[in-house]
């Protein structure tokens, strides 16, 4: 399962950033989402914002792993995500399971 971890006081130039990272089951970073979360910290987003993003990305990658694992393909590569998988997550999981609605 993908986990989210808080990175505290990461030195970036003259700044110290706090942001979340996503790690796989081997505790290795998932680079695409972690770089996105790092970028939000660089841009000045509050750590609570990166936590919310991390939570949603963690949910997505866990659902992706479960659905791809059922087919024997354990890939977590974001580049391999299809429109069908993304649509399934957005419509099937977020709307149905989290009871979110689509705003016109």
C-alpha atoms as a PDB file:
ATOM      1  CA  UNK A   1       0.000   0.000   0.000  1.00  0.00           C
ATOM      2  CA  UNK A   2       1.077   3.554  -0.699  1.00  0.00           C
ATOM      3  CA  UNK A   3       1.730   5.673   2.358  1.00  0.00           C
ATOM      4  CA  UNK A   4       2.078   9.399   2.869  1.00  0.00           C
ATOM      5  CA  UNK A   5       4.882  10.783   5.028  1.00  0.00           C
ATOM      6  CA  UNK A   6       5.678  14.281   6.193  1.00  0.00           C
ATOM      7  CA  UNK A   7       9.100  15.588   5.191  1.00  0.00           C
ATOM      8  CA  UNK A   8      10.109  18.236   7.738  1.00  0.00           C
ATOM      9  CA  UNK A   9      12.600  21.069   7.323  1.00  0.00           C
ATOM     10  CA  UNK A  10      13.883  19.977   3.903  1.00  0.00           C
ATOM     11  CA  UNK A  11      16.634  22.427   2.886  1.00  0.00           C
ATOM     12  CA  UNK A  12      15.914  24.063  -0.461  1.00  0.00           C
ATOM     13  CA  UNK A  13      18.279  26.934  -1.112  1.00  0.00           C
ATOM     14  CA  UNK A  14      17.932  29.263   1.847  1.00  0.00           C
ATOM     15  CA  UNK A  15      14.489  27.894   2.711  1.00  0.00           C
ATOM     16  CA  UNK A  16      13.309  24.987   4.839  1.00  0.00           C
ATOM     17  CA  UNK A  17      10.211  23.287   3.478  1.00  0.00           C
ATOM     18  CA  UNK A  18       7.648  20.959   5.008  1.00  0.00           C
ATOM     19  CA  UNK A  19       5.738  18.794   2.549  1.00  0.00           C
ATOM     20  CA  UNK A  20       4.320  15.327   2.100  1.00  0.00           C
ATOM     21  CA  UNK A  21       5.758  12.520  -0.011  1.00  0.00           C
ATOM     22  CA  UNK A  22       4.235   9.250  -1.196  1.00  0.00           C
ATOM     23  CA  UNK A  23       6.125   6.018  -0.606  1.00  0.00           C
ATOM     24  CA  UNK A  24       5.448   2.603  -2.081  1.00  0.00           C
ATOM     25  CA  UNK A  25       5.361  -0.664  -0.123  1.00  0.00           C
ATOM     26  CA  UNK A  26       9.192  -0.772  -0.227  1.00  0.00           C
ATOM     27  CA  UNK A  27       9.314   2.750   1.240  1.00  0.00           C
ATOM     28  CA  UNK A  28      10.641   4.163  -2.023  1.00  0.00           C
ATOM     29  CA  UNK A  29       9.199   7.475  -3.233  1.00  0.00           C
ATOM     30  CA  UNK A  30       6.637   7.574  -6.016  1.00  0.00           C
ATOM     31  CA  UNK A  31       8.426  10.241  -7.981  1.00  0.00           C
ATOM     32  CA  UNK A  32       5.697  11.913 -10.065  1.00  0.00           C
ATOM     33  CA  UNK A  33       3.299  12.605  -7.172  1.00  0.00           C
ATOM     34  CA  UNK A  34       6.108  13.394  -4.722  1.00  0.00           C
ATOM     35  CA  UNK A  35       7.651  15.911  -7.118  1.00  0.00           C
ATOM     36  CA  UNK A  36       4.225  17.504  -7.516  1.00  0.00           C
ATOM     37  CA  UNK A  37       3.875  17.758  -3.724  1.00  0.00           C
ATOM     38  CA  UNK A  38       7.390  19.187  -3.450  1.00  0.00           C
ATOM     39  CA  UNK A  39       6.555  21.736  -6.151  1.00  0.00           C
ATOM     40  CA  UNK A  40       3.487  22.892  -4.202  1.00  0.00           C
ATOM     41  CA  UNK A  41       5.730  23.491  -1.176  1.00  0.00           C
ATOM     42  CA  UNK A  42       8.210  25.452  -3.301  1.00  0.00           C
ATOM     43  CA  UNK A  43       5.333  27.579  -4.584  1.00  0.00           C
ATOM     44  CA  UNK A  44       4.404  28.445  -0.989  1.00  0.00           C
ATOM     45  CA  UNK A  45       1.386  26.223  -0.445  1.00  0.00           C
ATOM     46  CA  UNK A  46       0.609  25.513   3.198  1.00  0.00           C
ATOM     47  CA  UNK A  47       1.606  22.069   4.491  1.00  0.00           C
ATOM     48  CA  UNK A  48      -2.099  21.368   5.107  1.00  0.00           C
ATOM     49  CA  UNK A  49      -2.688  21.816   1.373  1.00  0.00           C
ATOM     50  CA  UNK A  50       0.071  19.381   0.463  1.00  0.00           C
ATOM     51  CA  UNK A  51      -1.353  16.954   3.038  1.00  0.00           C
ATOM     52  CA  UNK A  52      -4.766  17.123   1.353  1.00  0.00           C
ATOM     53  CA  UNK A  53      -3.177  16.605  -2.071  1.00  0.00           C
ATOM     54  CA  UNK A  54      -1.101  13.722  -0.688  1.00  0.00           C
ATOM     55  CA  UNK A  55      -4.198  12.085   0.756  1.00  0.00           C
ATOM     56  CA  UNK A  56      -6.021  12.237  -2.576  1.00  0.00           C
ATOM     57  CA  UNK A  57      -2.979  11.015  -4.518  1.00  0.00           C
ATOM     58  CA  UNK A  58      -2.448   8.192  -2.013  1.00  0.00           C
ATOM     59  CA  UNK A  59      -6.062   7.152  -2.504  1.00  0.00           C
ATOM     60  CA  UNK A  60      -5.663   7.205  -6.276  1.00  0.00           C
ATOM     61  CA  UNK A  61      -2.458   5.159  -6.299  1.00  0.00           C
ATOM     62  CA  UNK A  62      -3.849   2.621  -3.824  1.00  0.00           C
ATOM     63  CA  UNK A  63      -6.960   2.151  -5.971  1.00  0.00           C
ATOM     64  CA  UNK A  64      -4.753   1.934  -9.060  1.00  0.00           C
ATOM     65  CA  UNK A  65      -2.563  -0.697  -7.395  1.00  0.00           C
ATOM     66  CA  UNK A  66      -5.597  -2.734  -6.323  1.00  0.00           C
ATOM     67  CA  UNK A  67      -7.167  -2.624  -9.774  1.00  0.00           C
ATOM     68  CA  UNK A  68      -3.931  -3.340 -11.664  1.00  0.00           C
ATOM     69  CA  UNK A  69      -2.905  -6.023  -9.160  1.00  0.00           C
ATOM     70  CA  UNK A  70      -6.125  -7.894  -9.876  1.00  0.00           C
ATOM     71  CA  UNK A  71      -4.962  -8.229 -13.480  1.00  0.00           C
ATOM     72  CA  UNK A  72      -1.472  -9.331 -12.487  1.00  0.00           C
ATOM     73  CA  UNK A  73       0.126  -5.986 -13.357  1.00  0.00           C
ATOM     74  CA  UNK A  74       1.468  -4.318 -10.206  1.00  0.00           C
ATOM     75  CA  UNK A  75       2.710  -1.201 -12.012  1.00  0.00           C
ATOM     76  CA  UNK A  76       2.391   2.105 -10.192  1.00  0.00           C
ATOM     77  CA  UNK A  77       3.817   4.105 -13.064  1.00  0.00           C
ATOM     78  CA  UNK A  78       1.717   7.205 -13.542  1.00  0.00           C
ATOM     79  CA  UNK A  79       2.647   7.276 -17.236  1.00  0.00           C
ATOM     80  CA  UNK A  80       0.789   3.980 -17.641  1.00  0.00           C
ATOM     81  CA  UNK A  81      -2.519   5.323 -16.307  1.00  0.00           C
ATOM     82  CA  UNK A  82      -5.204   5.172 -18.956  1.00  0.00           C
ATOM     83  CA  UNK A  83      -8.191   7.459 -19.424  1.00  0.00           C
ATOM     84  CA  UNK A  84     -10.407   4.525 -18.463  1.00  0.00           C
ATOM     85  CA  UNK A  85      -8.553   4.081 -15.147  1.00  0.00           C
ATOM     86  CA  UNK A  86      -8.691   7.805 -14.388  1.00  0.00           C
ATOM     87  CA  UNK A  87     -12.372   7.968 -15.309  1.00  0.00           C
ATOM     88  CA  UNK A  88     -13.059   4.910 -13.164  1.00  0.00           C
ATOM     89  CA  UNK A  89     -11.367   6.532 -10.205  1.00  0.00           C
ATOM     90  CA  UNK A  90     -13.082   9.890 -10.650  1.00  0.00           C
ATOM     91  CA  UNK A  91     -16.551   8.528 -11.353  1.00  0.00           C
ATOM     92  CA  UNK A  92     -16.461   5.220  -9.531  1.00  0.00           C
ATOM     93  CA  UNK A  93     -14.495   5.980  -6.437  1.00  0.00           C
ATOM     94  CA  UNK A  94     -14.709   9.698  -5.719  1.00  0.00           C
ATOM     95  CA  UNK A  95     -18.343  10.152  -6.669  1.00  0.00           C
ATOM     96  CA  UNK A  96     -19.720   6.834  -5.416  1.00  0.00           C
ATOM     97  CA  UNK A  97     -17.566   6.044  -2.374  1.00  0.00           C
ATOM     98  CA  UNK A  98     -16.831   9.518  -1.111  1.00  0.00           C
ATOM     99  CA  UNK A  99     -20.241  10.850  -2.062  1.00  0.00           C
ATOM    100  CA  UNK A 100     -18.794  13.769  -4.012  1.00  0.00           C
ATOM    101  CA  UNK A 101     -20.846  15.578  -6.613  1.00  0.00           C
ATOM    102  CA  UNK A 102     -20.024  17.161  -9.937  1.00  0.00           C
ATOM    103  CA  UNK A 103     -20.560  20.895 -10.079  1.00  0.00           C
ATOM    104  CA  UNK A 104     -21.792  22.302 -13.389  1.00  0.00           C
END
